[in-house]
N, C-alpha and C. Protein backbone atom coordinates (compact mmCIF):
# COMPACT_ATOMS: atom_id res chain seq x y z
N MET A 1 -118.50 -9.78 102.95
CA MET A 1 -117.74 -9.11 102.14
C MET A 1 -118.60 -7.69 101.91
N ARG A 2 -119.92 -7.99 101.58
CA ARG A 2 -120.60 -6.63 101.30
C ARG A 2 -120.60 -5.66 102.57
N THR A 3 -120.61 -6.26 103.88
CA THR A 3 -120.25 -5.41 105.01
C THR A 3 -119.24 -4.61 104.85
N CYS A 4 -118.19 -5.31 104.75
CA CYS A 4 -116.68 -4.76 104.52
C CYS A 4 -116.72 -3.57 103.47
N VAL A 5 -117.27 -3.96 102.20
CA VAL A 5 -117.56 -2.84 101.43
C VAL A 5 -118.54 -1.43 101.93
N ASP A 6 -119.53 -2.15 102.43
CA ASP A 6 -120.51 -0.84 103.07
C ASP A 6 -119.68 0.05 104.00
N GLN A 7 -118.96 -0.51 105.01
CA GLN A 7 -118.23 0.07 106.07
C GLN A 7 -117.12 1.10 105.18
N LEU A 8 -116.53 0.34 104.51
CA LEU A 8 -115.62 1.39 103.83
C LEU A 8 -116.07 2.57 103.12
N MET A 9 -117.18 2.37 102.44
CA MET A 9 -117.77 3.53 101.61
C MET A 9 -118.72 4.43 102.42
N ALA A 10 -118.78 3.93 103.64
CA ALA A 10 -119.27 5.04 104.87
C ALA A 10 -118.40 5.95 105.24
N LEU A 11 -117.32 5.49 105.06
CA LEU A 11 -116.04 6.80 105.36
C LEU A 11 -115.83 7.94 104.66
N SER A 12 -115.41 9.15 105.12
CA SER A 12 -115.33 10.09 103.84
C SER A 12 -113.79 10.25 103.50
N TYR A 13 -113.01 9.42 104.34
CA TYR A 13 -111.56 9.23 103.49
C TYR A 13 -111.17 7.94 103.91
N ILE A 14 -110.38 7.09 102.77
CA ILE A 14 -110.18 5.92 102.98
C ILE A 14 -108.59 5.73 102.76
N ASP A 15 -107.87 5.39 103.38
CA ASP A 15 -106.33 5.20 103.47
C ASP A 15 -105.88 3.96 103.00
N GLY A 16 -104.54 3.92 102.66
CA GLY A 16 -104.09 2.49 102.16
C GLY A 16 -103.93 1.61 103.29
N PRO A 17 -103.59 1.84 104.29
CA PRO A 17 -103.49 0.75 105.68
C PRO A 17 -104.84 0.11 105.88
N ARG A 18 -105.92 0.81 106.00
CA ARG A 18 -107.32 0.51 106.30
C ARG A 18 -107.58 -0.40 105.18
N LEU A 19 -107.40 -0.20 103.95
CA LEU A 19 -107.90 -1.10 102.96
C LEU A 19 -106.91 -2.25 103.05
N LYS A 20 -105.69 -2.17 103.34
CA LYS A 20 -104.96 -3.46 103.43
C LYS A 20 -105.47 -4.19 104.57
N ALA A 21 -105.75 -3.65 105.56
CA ALA A 21 -106.30 -4.32 106.77
C ALA A 21 -107.49 -4.99 106.74
N GLU A 22 -108.35 -4.45 105.69
CA GLU A 22 -109.63 -5.29 105.32
C GLU A 22 -109.43 -6.31 104.48
N ALA A 23 -108.37 -6.23 103.47
CA ALA A 23 -108.08 -7.29 102.64
C ALA A 23 -107.46 -8.50 103.19
N SER A 24 -106.50 -8.12 104.40
CA SER A 24 -105.86 -9.06 104.96
C SER A 24 -107.08 -10.03 105.83
N PHE A 25 -108.07 -9.13 106.50
CA PHE A 25 -109.12 -9.90 107.16
C PHE A 25 -109.67 -10.66 106.39
N ILE A 26 -110.05 -10.03 105.17
CA ILE A 26 -111.27 -10.95 104.32
C ILE A 26 -110.24 -12.24 103.98
N ALA A 27 -109.11 -12.19 103.59
CA ALA A 27 -108.09 -13.18 103.19
C ALA A 27 -108.04 -14.41 104.40
N ASN A 28 -107.88 -13.90 105.49
CA ASN A 28 -107.78 -14.65 106.71
C ASN A 28 -109.27 -15.57 106.61
N ARG A 29 -110.29 -14.67 106.81
CA ARG A 29 -111.52 -15.28 106.96
C ARG A 29 -111.89 -16.35 106.01
N LEU A 30 -111.67 -16.06 104.77
CA LEU A 30 -111.74 -17.31 103.73
C LEU A 30 -111.04 -18.45 103.78
N GLU A 31 -109.76 -18.04 104.07
CA GLU A 31 -108.93 -19.43 104.15
C GLU A 31 -109.74 -20.10 105.59
N ALA A 32 -109.95 -19.55 106.54
CA ALA A 32 -110.59 -20.07 107.62
C ALA A 32 -111.67 -20.81 107.31
N LEU A 33 -112.66 -20.35 106.77
CA LEU A 33 -113.70 -20.80 106.18
C LEU A 33 -113.90 -21.98 105.42
N ARG A 34 -112.98 -21.56 104.53
CA ARG A 34 -112.63 -22.87 103.61
C ARG A 34 -111.97 -24.40 104.33
N TYR A 35 -111.02 -23.76 104.85
CA TYR A 35 -110.20 -24.87 105.86
C TYR A 35 -111.14 -25.63 106.65
N ASN A 36 -112.17 -25.06 107.27
CA ASN A 36 -113.18 -25.69 108.20
C ASN A 36 -114.52 -26.34 107.42
N GLY A 37 -114.43 -26.10 106.00
CA GLY A 37 -115.55 -26.74 105.57
C GLY A 37 -116.85 -25.78 105.38
N MET A 38 -116.78 -24.51 105.72
CA MET A 38 -117.89 -23.88 105.71
C MET A 38 -118.23 -23.16 104.50
N ILE A 39 -117.48 -22.98 103.59
CA ILE A 39 -117.53 -22.34 102.15
C ILE A 39 -116.62 -23.27 101.19
N SER A 40 -117.11 -23.26 100.06
CA SER A 40 -116.71 -24.20 98.91
C SER A 40 -115.49 -23.50 98.46
N ASN A 41 -114.64 -24.36 97.71
CA ASN A 41 -113.69 -23.91 96.99
C ASN A 41 -114.07 -23.06 95.73
N ASP A 42 -115.09 -22.96 95.37
CA ASP A 42 -115.40 -22.00 94.50
C ASP A 42 -115.83 -20.77 95.10
N ALA A 43 -116.61 -20.73 96.24
CA ALA A 43 -116.80 -19.36 97.14
C ALA A 43 -115.59 -18.73 97.37
N TYR A 44 -114.64 -19.59 97.63
CA TYR A 44 -113.41 -19.06 98.29
C TYR A 44 -112.70 -18.40 96.82
N LEU A 45 -112.59 -18.95 95.97
CA LEU A 45 -111.71 -18.62 94.53
C LEU A 45 -112.91 -17.23 94.11
N ASP A 46 -114.20 -17.43 94.04
CA ASP A 46 -114.76 -16.22 93.85
C ASP A 46 -114.79 -14.93 94.73
N ALA A 47 -114.79 -15.07 95.94
CA ALA A 47 -114.71 -14.27 96.98
C ALA A 47 -113.22 -13.54 96.95
N GLY A 48 -112.37 -14.19 96.57
CA GLY A 48 -110.88 -13.65 96.57
C GLY A 48 -110.60 -12.57 95.70
N SER A 49 -111.69 -12.34 94.72
CA SER A 49 -111.45 -11.00 93.77
C SER A 49 -111.70 -9.76 94.43
N ILE A 50 -112.45 -9.85 95.72
CA ILE A 50 -112.73 -8.71 96.39
C ILE A 50 -111.66 -8.20 97.15
N TYR A 51 -110.80 -9.29 97.95
CA TYR A 51 -109.77 -8.90 98.66
C TYR A 51 -108.56 -8.52 97.77
N GLY A 52 -108.61 -9.24 96.56
CA GLY A 52 -107.22 -8.69 95.51
C GLY A 52 -107.58 -7.23 95.30
N ALA A 53 -108.95 -6.91 94.90
CA ALA A 53 -109.12 -5.41 94.68
C ALA A 53 -108.80 -4.58 95.73
N PHE A 54 -109.05 -4.90 96.87
CA PHE A 54 -108.95 -4.08 98.15
C PHE A 54 -107.16 -3.69 98.14
N GLU A 55 -106.64 -4.83 97.69
CA GLU A 55 -104.96 -4.55 97.89
C GLU A 55 -104.74 -3.94 96.57
N MET A 56 -105.28 -3.77 95.46
CA MET A 56 -104.84 -3.22 94.46
C MET A 56 -105.33 -1.40 94.94
N PHE A 57 -106.37 -1.30 95.19
CA PHE A 57 -107.01 0.08 95.57
C PHE A 57 -105.96 0.59 96.74
N ALA A 58 -105.68 -0.23 97.53
CA ALA A 58 -104.56 0.24 98.50
C ALA A 58 -103.42 0.90 98.13
N ASN A 59 -102.76 0.23 97.16
CA ASN A 59 -101.87 0.52 96.02
C ASN A 59 -101.88 1.86 95.34
N LEU A 60 -103.07 1.85 94.90
CA LEU A 60 -103.45 3.00 94.09
C LEU A 60 -103.45 4.27 94.93
N ILE A 61 -103.94 3.97 96.09
CA ILE A 61 -104.18 5.30 97.19
C ILE A 61 -102.52 5.58 97.61
N ASP A 62 -101.56 4.75 97.73
CA ASP A 62 -100.34 4.91 97.80
C ASP A 62 -99.47 5.65 96.58
N MET A 63 -100.30 5.49 95.48
CA MET A 63 -99.59 6.09 94.29
C MET A 63 -100.28 7.62 94.29
N GLY A 64 -101.25 7.75 94.90
CA GLY A 64 -101.75 9.28 95.09
C GLY A 64 -103.10 9.27 94.02
N VAL A 65 -103.76 8.24 93.93
CA VAL A 65 -104.98 8.08 93.06
C VAL A 65 -106.13 8.81 93.93
N PRO A 66 -106.82 9.73 93.26
CA PRO A 66 -108.01 10.83 94.11
C PRO A 66 -108.92 9.59 94.77
N GLN A 67 -109.50 10.21 96.06
CA GLN A 67 -110.31 9.38 96.59
C GLN A 67 -111.65 9.34 95.77
N GLN A 68 -112.21 9.89 94.86
CA GLN A 68 -113.12 9.88 94.13
C GLN A 68 -112.98 8.70 93.19
N GLU A 69 -111.99 8.46 92.62
CA GLU A 69 -111.80 7.19 91.78
C GLU A 69 -111.63 5.89 92.68
N ILE A 70 -111.03 5.91 93.90
CA ILE A 70 -111.19 4.84 94.96
C ILE A 70 -112.47 4.55 95.24
N PHE A 71 -113.48 5.23 95.43
CA PHE A 71 -114.93 5.21 95.81
C PHE A 71 -115.69 4.74 94.60
N SER A 72 -115.36 5.23 93.41
CA SER A 72 -116.05 4.59 92.08
C SER A 72 -115.75 3.11 92.17
N HIS A 73 -114.33 2.78 92.56
CA HIS A 73 -113.89 1.33 92.39
C HIS A 73 -114.41 0.55 93.50
N LEU A 74 -114.87 1.14 94.56
CA LEU A 74 -115.37 0.47 95.68
C LEU A 74 -117.14 0.18 95.39
N LYS A 75 -117.47 0.97 94.60
CA LYS A 75 -119.00 0.78 94.25
C LYS A 75 -118.98 -0.58 93.43
N GLN A 76 -117.98 -0.54 92.50
CA GLN A 76 -118.02 -1.84 91.47
C GLN A 76 -117.74 -3.17 92.39
N GLN A 77 -116.89 -3.08 93.50
CA GLN A 77 -116.95 -4.02 94.50
C GLN A 77 -118.11 -4.29 95.31
N LEU A 78 -119.01 -3.24 95.66
CA LEU A 78 -120.20 -3.62 96.25
C LEU A 78 -121.14 -4.56 95.31
N ALA A 79 -121.12 -3.86 94.24
CA ALA A 79 -122.06 -4.83 93.18
C ALA A 79 -121.34 -6.32 93.10
N ARG A 80 -120.28 -6.38 93.01
CA ARG A 80 -119.74 -7.81 93.02
C ARG A 80 -120.03 -8.65 94.43
N ALA A 81 -120.02 -7.99 95.48
CA ALA A 81 -120.05 -8.55 96.86
C ALA A 81 -121.57 -8.97 96.99
N ARG A 82 -122.41 -7.93 96.34
CA ARG A 82 -123.86 -8.41 96.29
C ARG A 82 -124.21 -9.72 95.64
N LYS A 83 -123.53 -9.81 94.26
CA LYS A 83 -123.76 -10.83 93.63
C LYS A 83 -123.23 -12.43 94.20
N LEU A 84 -122.23 -11.92 94.84
CA LEU A 84 -121.36 -13.18 95.52
C LEU A 84 -122.48 -13.71 96.69
N GLU A 85 -123.26 -12.76 97.48
CA GLU A 85 -124.13 -13.10 98.56
C GLU A 85 -125.34 -13.79 97.88
N ILE A 86 -125.55 -13.52 96.69
CA ILE A 86 -126.84 -14.22 96.09
C ILE A 86 -126.24 -15.80 95.62
N LYS A 87 -125.19 -15.62 94.99
CA LYS A 87 -124.43 -17.05 94.49
C LYS A 87 -124.23 -18.10 95.81
N TYR A 88 -123.60 -17.30 96.91
CA TYR A 88 -123.32 -18.06 98.04
C TYR A 88 -124.24 -17.59 99.44
N PRO A 89 -125.24 -18.02 99.45
CA PRO A 89 -126.06 -17.28 100.70
C PRO A 89 -125.39 -17.58 101.70
N GLY A 90 -125.13 -16.34 102.72
CA GLY A 90 -124.66 -16.54 104.07
C GLY A 90 -123.44 -16.28 104.21
N LEU A 91 -122.63 -15.98 102.86
CA LEU A 91 -121.22 -15.83 102.85
C LEU A 91 -120.73 -14.47 103.62
N ASN A 92 -121.53 -13.41 103.63
CA ASN A 92 -121.13 -12.16 103.97
C ASN A 92 -121.14 -12.45 105.67
N SER A 93 -122.28 -13.39 106.27
CA SER A 93 -122.43 -13.56 107.56
C SER A 93 -121.12 -14.40 108.11
N ALA A 94 -121.04 -15.24 107.33
CA ALA A 94 -119.69 -16.22 107.85
C ALA A 94 -118.41 -15.24 107.95
N ILE A 95 -118.18 -14.45 106.94
CA ILE A 95 -117.14 -13.66 106.95
C ILE A 95 -117.03 -12.75 108.34
N GLU A 96 -118.13 -11.90 108.30
CA GLU A 96 -118.38 -11.15 109.39
C GLU A 96 -118.43 -11.66 110.70
N SER A 97 -118.79 -12.85 110.98
CA SER A 97 -118.70 -13.81 112.17
C SER A 97 -117.43 -13.61 112.93
N GLY A 98 -116.50 -13.37 112.14
CA GLY A 98 -114.85 -13.64 112.69
C GLY A 98 -114.41 -12.21 112.92
N ARG A 99 -115.28 -11.13 112.72
CA ARG A 99 -114.73 -9.80 112.81
C ARG A 99 -114.71 -9.70 114.54
N ALA A 100 -113.58 -9.08 115.17
CA ALA A 100 -113.39 -8.74 116.78
C ALA A 100 -114.55 -7.44 116.96
N SER A 101 -115.05 -7.71 117.94
CA SER A 101 -115.99 -6.46 118.34
C SER A 101 -115.22 -5.26 118.77
């Protein structure tokens, strides 16, 4: 998930559909990883906060919230994603392994 946030923050502009797509990707990957026993229920629940935030940010964009505020919120998610990676080593890699090339 750290990689998801990093990629979004590297963009000069973030639109709602892009954030919704990332939220959907994370949700689907987390579900698959939990179902296959590759992550714990705790990791699944903790990581769910990131995709929930992405969906909220997408709604904020649709409401006309300035990009500067969206990027500020994304920085907070980056800090959260880093903490999750420390708490659940390999979580970022497991999620990103499902990304289509």
